[in-house]
C-alpha cells in the first residue's frame, strides 16, 4: 500500500481499523465493541500490534456514538510506547525553549 494511503496518527496505524469501526452500528458500548471486534489488531509504529480487547480491557461501560469517538478513545488509551520518541515531532519548525523565553523577557 502506498505511503500516502496510510491513516497513521501518533504512531498508530488506523488504515485497517477505521473500516472496521465505520461498519459498526452506533451507538455501541465498549462491551459490544469488544465482543464484535475484540480480536482486531491495531498496528503501531514503535510496538507490537495491540487488539481492541487489550486496549479497552480496563474501561468501564462507556458508549460511543461514532467511529471518530472510538478512534479518539483508542489514541487516549494507547500505551506510551506506541507514540514513539518523547518530544519528537516530524512537523518541522521548532518550539521555543527556555533560552528564547529568557531573551524575550529581558527586552
C-alpha atoms as a PDB file:
ATOM      1  CA  UNK A   1       0.000   0.000   0.000  1.00  0.00           C
ATOM      2  CA  UNK A   2       1.451   3.402  -0.912  1.00  0.00           C
ATOM      3  CA  UNK A   3       2.591   5.574   1.984  1.00  0.00           C
ATOM      4  CA  UNK A   4       0.024   8.265   1.046  1.00  0.00           C
ATOM      5  CA  UNK A   5      -2.872   5.864   1.709  1.00  0.00           C
ATOM      6  CA  UNK A   6      -1.981   5.163   5.326  1.00  0.00           C
ATOM      7  CA  UNK A   7      -4.053   6.591   8.135  1.00  0.00           C
ATOM      8  CA  UNK A   8      -1.412   6.988  10.827  1.00  0.00           C
ATOM      9  CA  UNK A   9      -1.711   9.226  13.880  1.00  0.00           C
ATOM     10  CA  UNK A  10       0.795   9.430  16.749  1.00  0.00           C
ATOM     11  CA  UNK A  11       2.428   6.121  15.812  1.00  0.00           C
ATOM     12  CA  UNK A  12      -0.898   4.278  15.467  1.00  0.00           C
ATOM     13  CA  UNK A  13      -1.941   2.964  12.059  1.00  0.00           C
ATOM     14  CA  UNK A  14      -5.719   3.171  11.611  1.00  0.00           C
ATOM     15  CA  UNK A  15      -5.634   2.142   7.928  1.00  0.00           C
ATOM     16  CA  UNK A  16      -7.201  -1.278   8.596  1.00  0.00           C
ATOM     17  CA  UNK A  17      -9.073  -0.260  11.749  1.00  0.00           C
ATOM     18  CA  UNK A  18     -11.234   2.632  10.530  1.00  0.00           C
ATOM     19  CA  UNK A  19     -13.165   0.471   8.020  1.00  0.00           C
ATOM     20  CA  UNK A  20     -13.987  -1.903  10.891  1.00  0.00           C
ATOM     21  CA  UNK A  21     -15.149   0.984  13.094  1.00  0.00           C
ATOM     22  CA  UNK A  22     -17.169   2.537  10.277  1.00  0.00           C
ATOM     23  CA  UNK A  23     -19.015  -0.762   9.759  1.00  0.00           C
ATOM     24  CA  UNK A  24     -20.289  -0.842  13.353  1.00  0.00           C
ATOM     25  CA  UNK A  25     -23.862   0.163  14.284  1.00  0.00           C
ATOM     26  CA  UNK A  26     -23.768   3.162  16.607  1.00  0.00           C
ATOM     27  CA  UNK A  27     -24.301   3.827  19.417  1.00  0.00           C
ATOM     28  CA  UNK A  28     -22.222   0.913  20.707  1.00  0.00           C
ATOM     29  CA  UNK A  29     -20.975   0.056  24.184  1.00  0.00           C
ATOM     30  CA  UNK A  30     -17.408  -0.966  24.918  1.00  0.00           C
ATOM     31  CA  UNK A  31     -18.601  -4.491  25.764  1.00  0.00           C
ATOM     32  CA  UNK A  32     -20.378  -4.771  22.410  1.00  0.00           C
ATOM     33  CA  UNK A  33     -17.357  -3.419  20.536  1.00  0.00           C
ATOM     34  CA  UNK A  34     -15.035  -5.879  22.273  1.00  0.00           C
ATOM     35  CA  UNK A  35     -17.464  -8.757  21.713  1.00  0.00           C
ATOM     36  CA  UNK A  36     -17.778  -7.976  17.992  1.00  0.00           C
ATOM     37  CA  UNK A  37     -14.201  -6.881  17.176  1.00  0.00           C
ATOM     38  CA  UNK A  38     -12.025  -7.542  20.228  1.00  0.00           C
ATOM     39  CA  UNK A  39      -9.578  -9.682  18.271  1.00  0.00           C
ATOM     40  CA  UNK A  40      -8.933  -6.957  15.659  1.00  0.00           C
ATOM     41  CA  UNK A  41      -5.275  -5.863  15.828  1.00  0.00           C
ATOM     42  CA  UNK A  42      -4.249  -2.219  15.635  1.00  0.00           C
ATOM     43  CA  UNK A  43      -0.823  -1.687  14.086  1.00  0.00           C
ATOM     44  CA  UNK A  44       1.663   0.564  15.875  1.00  0.00           C
ATOM     45  CA  UNK A  45       4.871   2.050  14.510  1.00  0.00           C
ATOM     46  CA  UNK A  46       7.083   1.503  17.557  1.00  0.00           C
ATOM     47  CA  UNK A  47       5.487  -1.514  19.218  1.00  0.00           C
ATOM     48  CA  UNK A  48       3.770  -4.809  18.548  1.00  0.00           C
ATOM     49  CA  UNK A  49       0.146  -4.627  17.397  1.00  0.00           C
ATOM     50  CA  UNK A  50      -2.481  -4.343  20.137  1.00  0.00           C
ATOM     51  CA  UNK A  51      -6.013  -5.742  19.971  1.00  0.00           C
ATOM     52  CA  UNK A  52      -9.177  -3.796  20.644  1.00  0.00           C
ATOM     53  CA  UNK A  53      -9.793  -6.098  23.609  1.00  0.00           C
ATOM     54  CA  UNK A  54      -6.362  -5.366  25.107  1.00  0.00           C
ATOM     55  CA  UNK A  55      -6.859  -1.646  24.616  1.00  0.00           C
ATOM     56  CA  UNK A  56     -10.334  -1.442  26.158  1.00  0.00           C
ATOM     57  CA  UNK A  57      -9.754  -4.125  28.822  1.00  0.00           C
ATOM     58  CA  UNK A  58      -9.796  -1.704  31.767  1.00  0.00           C
ATOM     59  CA  UNK A  59     -12.605   0.528  30.514  1.00  0.00           C
ATOM     60  CA  UNK A  60     -15.989   0.903  32.118  1.00  0.00           C
ATOM     61  CA  UNK A  61     -19.340   0.787  30.399  1.00  0.00           C
ATOM     62  CA  UNK A  62     -18.984   3.814  28.116  1.00  0.00           C
ATOM     63  CA  UNK A  63     -20.991   4.128  24.919  1.00  0.00           C
ATOM     64  CA  UNK A  64     -19.620   5.519  21.675  1.00  0.00           C
ATOM     65  CA  UNK A  65     -21.719   7.491  19.204  1.00  0.00           C
ATOM     66  CA  UNK A  66     -19.352   7.400  16.199  1.00  0.00           C
ATOM     67  CA  UNK A  67     -16.214   5.822  14.747  1.00  0.00           C
ATOM     68  CA  UNK A  68     -14.345   9.061  15.463  1.00  0.00           C
ATOM     69  CA  UNK A  69     -15.186   8.788  19.185  1.00  0.00           C
ATOM     70  CA  UNK A  70     -13.802   5.230  19.263  1.00  0.00           C
ATOM     71  CA  UNK A  71     -10.684   6.329  17.381  1.00  0.00           C
ATOM     72  CA  UNK A  72     -10.060   9.213  19.799  1.00  0.00           C
ATOM     73  CA  UNK A  73     -10.507   6.919  22.811  1.00  0.00           C
ATOM     74  CA  UNK A  74      -8.071   4.445  21.245  1.00  0.00           C
ATOM     75  CA  UNK A  75      -5.486   7.208  20.962  1.00  0.00           C
ATOM     76  CA  UNK A  76      -6.146   8.240  24.567  1.00  0.00           C
ATOM     77  CA  UNK A  77      -5.726   4.665  25.820  1.00  0.00           C
ATOM     78  CA  UNK A  78      -2.765   3.738  23.645  1.00  0.00           C
ATOM     79  CA  UNK A  79       0.273   2.673  25.707  1.00  0.00           C
ATOM     80  CA  UNK A  80       3.126   5.163  25.820  1.00  0.00           C
ATOM     81  CA  UNK A  81       5.456   3.074  23.645  1.00  0.00           C
ATOM     82  CA  UNK A  82       3.056   3.443  20.694  1.00  0.00           C
ATOM     83  CA  UNK A  83       3.734   7.141  20.280  1.00  0.00           C
ATOM     84  CA  UNK A  84       7.468   6.976  19.591  1.00  0.00           C
ATOM     85  CA  UNK A  85      10.261   9.144  20.876  1.00  0.00           C
ATOM     86  CA  UNK A  86       9.140  11.547  23.566  1.00  0.00           C
ATOM     87  CA  UNK A  87       9.180  15.156  22.419  1.00  0.00           C
ATOM     88  CA  UNK A  88       9.790  14.212  18.766  1.00  0.00           C
ATOM     89  CA  UNK A  89       7.790  15.877  16.026  1.00  0.00           C
ATOM     90  CA  UNK A  90       8.060  15.345  12.289  1.00  0.00           C
ATOM     91  CA  UNK A  91       6.083  18.507  11.559  1.00  0.00           C
ATOM     92  CA  UNK A  92       9.139  20.728  11.156  1.00  0.00           C
ATOM     93  CA  UNK A  93       9.850  24.016  12.806  1.00  0.00           C
ATOM     94  CA  UNK A  94      10.822  24.263  16.416  1.00  0.00           C
ATOM     95  CA  UNK A  95       9.257  25.009  19.708  1.00  0.00           C
ATOM     96  CA  UNK A  96      10.567  27.886  21.775  1.00  0.00           C
ATOM     97  CA  UNK A  97      12.823  26.771  24.559  1.00  0.00           C
ATOM     98  CA  UNK A  98      13.600  28.434  27.870  1.00  0.00           C
ATOM     99  CA  UNK A  99      16.539  30.330  26.366  1.00  0.00           C
ATOM    100  CA  UNK A 100      14.286  32.054  23.824  1.00  0.00           C
ATOM    101  CA  UNK A 101      11.773  32.908  26.544  1.00  0.00           C
ATOM    102  CA  UNK A 102      14.520  34.352  28.772  1.00  0.00           C
ATOM    103  CA  UNK A 103      15.783  36.560  25.925  1.00  0.00           C
ATOM    104  CA  UNK A 104      12.255  37.882  25.241  1.00  0.00           C
ATOM    105  CA  UNK A 105      11.736  38.823  28.880  1.00  0.00           C
ATOM    106  CA  UNK A 106      14.942  40.878  29.039  1.00  0.00           C
ATOM    107  CA  UNK A 107      13.943  43.068  26.090  1.00  0.00           C
END
